[in-house]
Amino acid sequence: MEMATHYRHGEVDVLQPEGRLDATTAPGFEAELRERAETGTGGLVIDFAHVDHISSAGLRALMVGLMTFARQKRKFVVAGPSADVMEVITLTGFDKVLTLAPDVEIGIAEAGL
């Protein structure tokens, strides 16, 4: 995974990781999620449009992020996952616990509620 880029849209943080989210890259991604939780005040949208693979380590990082934001009563949205990544999310049941959006714009609307 390339280092994720970050920007703010109003009160919503948008994180844009790229590449593979696996055992090698998940710790850095999880650290980035923690930083967003510590420094932001609104919701978080993770733009998965350029993530082409997610492993169990990447799913774990998402779950840690989700739980962190939930404890703070903040929205946590995964936007625009590719078909391959969405298949993993669905097969593992993560689609039942994550807020998913088809694209960043809809994700921002969801996270800003």
Protein backbone atom coordinates (compact mmCIF):
# COMPACT_ATOMS: atom_id res chain seq x y z
CA MET A 1 0.00 0.00 0.00
CA GLU A 2 1.21 3.43 -0.84
CA MET A 3 1.11 5.93 1.99
CA ALA A 4 -2.48 7.09 2.21
CA THR A 5 -3.28 10.65 1.28
CA HIS A 6 -5.61 12.61 3.48
CA TYR A 7 -7.84 15.65 3.12
CA ARG A 8 -10.76 17.22 4.93
CA HIS A 9 -14.20 17.95 3.52
CA GLY A 10 -15.88 20.11 6.14
CA GLU A 11 -15.86 18.09 9.34
CA VAL A 12 -15.23 14.81 7.50
CA ASP A 13 -11.73 13.37 7.04
CA VAL A 14 -11.12 11.45 3.80
CA LEU A 15 -8.31 8.89 3.68
CA GLN A 16 -7.18 7.51 0.30
CA PRO A 17 -5.00 4.39 0.56
CA GLU A 18 -3.62 2.76 -2.59
CA GLY A 19 -2.45 -0.74 -3.49
CA ARG A 20 -2.52 -3.81 -1.28
CA LEU A 21 -3.75 -3.80 2.30
CA ASP A 22 -2.08 -6.88 3.77
CA ALA A 23 0.11 -8.04 6.66
CA THR A 24 2.96 -5.82 5.49
CA THR A 25 0.94 -2.63 5.07
CA ALA A 26 -1.90 -3.02 7.59
CA PRO A 27 0.10 -1.77 10.62
CA GLY A 28 0.82 1.55 8.90
CA PHE A 29 -2.80 1.82 7.78
CA GLU A 30 -4.01 1.11 11.31
CA ALA A 31 -1.65 3.79 12.66
CA GLU A 32 -3.11 6.25 10.14
CA LEU A 33 -6.64 5.37 11.31
CA ARG A 34 -5.60 5.98 14.92
CA GLU A 35 -4.11 9.34 13.97
CA ARG A 36 -7.37 10.36 12.24
CA ALA A 37 -9.26 9.30 15.40
CA GLU A 38 -6.95 11.37 17.60
CA THR A 39 -6.81 14.52 15.47
CA GLY A 40 -10.24 14.71 13.84
CA THR A 41 -13.60 15.56 15.30
CA GLY A 42 -16.00 14.38 12.59
CA GLY A 43 -16.52 11.23 10.62
CA LEU A 44 -14.01 9.37 8.46
CA VAL A 45 -14.43 8.19 4.87
CA ILE A 46 -11.88 5.69 3.58
CA ASP A 47 -11.74 5.89 -0.21
CA PHE A 48 -10.98 2.31 -1.28
CA ALA A 49 -11.18 3.07 -5.02
CA HIS A 50 -7.45 2.37 -5.43
CA VAL A 51 -7.11 -0.56 -3.01
CA ASP A 52 -6.77 -3.67 -5.15
CA HIS A 53 -6.36 -6.32 -2.42
CA ILE A 54 -7.31 -6.73 1.23
CA SER A 55 -6.18 -9.57 3.50
CA SER A 56 -7.30 -10.59 6.99
CA ALA A 57 -4.73 -8.16 8.40
CA GLY A 58 -6.34 -5.34 6.43
CA LEU A 59 -9.79 -6.39 7.62
CA ARG A 60 -8.50 -6.36 11.19
CA ALA A 61 -7.19 -2.81 10.73
CA LEU A 62 -10.63 -1.77 9.46
CA MET A 63 -12.30 -3.37 12.48
CA VAL A 64 -9.92 -1.61 14.90
CA GLY A 65 -10.68 1.68 13.16
CA LEU A 66 -14.42 1.04 13.21
CA MET A 67 -14.38 0.24 16.93
CA THR A 68 -12.26 3.30 17.72
CA PHE A 69 -14.61 5.63 15.85
CA ALA A 70 -17.70 3.93 17.30
CA ARG A 71 -16.43 4.51 20.85
CA GLN A 72 -16.15 8.20 19.96
CA LYS A 73 -19.66 8.12 18.41
CA ARG A 74 -18.21 9.15 15.04
CA LYS A 75 -19.07 7.78 11.60
CA PHE A 76 -16.67 5.41 9.81
CA VAL A 77 -17.44 4.80 6.12
CA VAL A 78 -15.68 2.67 3.50
CA ALA A 79 -16.31 4.11 0.04
CA GLY A 80 -15.86 2.77 -3.47
CA PRO A 81 -14.29 -0.65 -2.90
CA SER A 82 -13.40 -2.56 -6.08
CA ALA A 83 -15.35 -5.69 -6.95
CA ASP A 84 -12.51 -7.91 -5.66
CA VAL A 85 -12.24 -6.07 -2.35
CA MET A 86 -16.02 -5.97 -1.99
CA GLU A 87 -16.14 -9.73 -2.51
CA VAL A 88 -13.75 -10.23 0.44
CA ILE A 89 -15.74 -7.79 2.58
CA THR A 90 -18.97 -9.64 1.76
CA LEU A 91 -17.60 -13.18 2.15
CA THR A 92 -16.23 -12.33 5.60
CA GLY A 93 -19.46 -10.69 6.75
CA PHE A 94 -17.84 -7.29 7.18
CA ASP A 95 -20.58 -5.81 5.00
CA LYS A 96 -22.89 -6.38 7.97
CA VAL A 97 -20.83 -4.17 10.33
CA LEU A 98 -19.21 -1.59 8.06
CA THR A 99 -20.99 1.39 6.58
CA LEU A 100 -20.32 1.06 2.85
CA ALA A 101 -20.84 3.70 0.18
CA PRO A 102 -20.49 3.32 -3.59
CA ASP A 103 -18.30 6.43 -3.87
CA VAL A 104 -16.62 9.16 -1.83
CA GLU A 105 -19.35 11.78 -2.34
CA ILE A 106 -22.02 9.49 -0.90
CA GLY A 107 -19.57 8.42 1.83
CA ILE A 108 -19.05 12.06 2.83
CA ALA A 109 -22.80 12.56 3.01
CA GLU A 110 -23.10 9.44 5.22
CA ALA A 111 -20.19 10.45 7.48
CA GLY A 112 -21.45 14.00 7.86
CA LEU A 113 -24.78 12.93 9.37
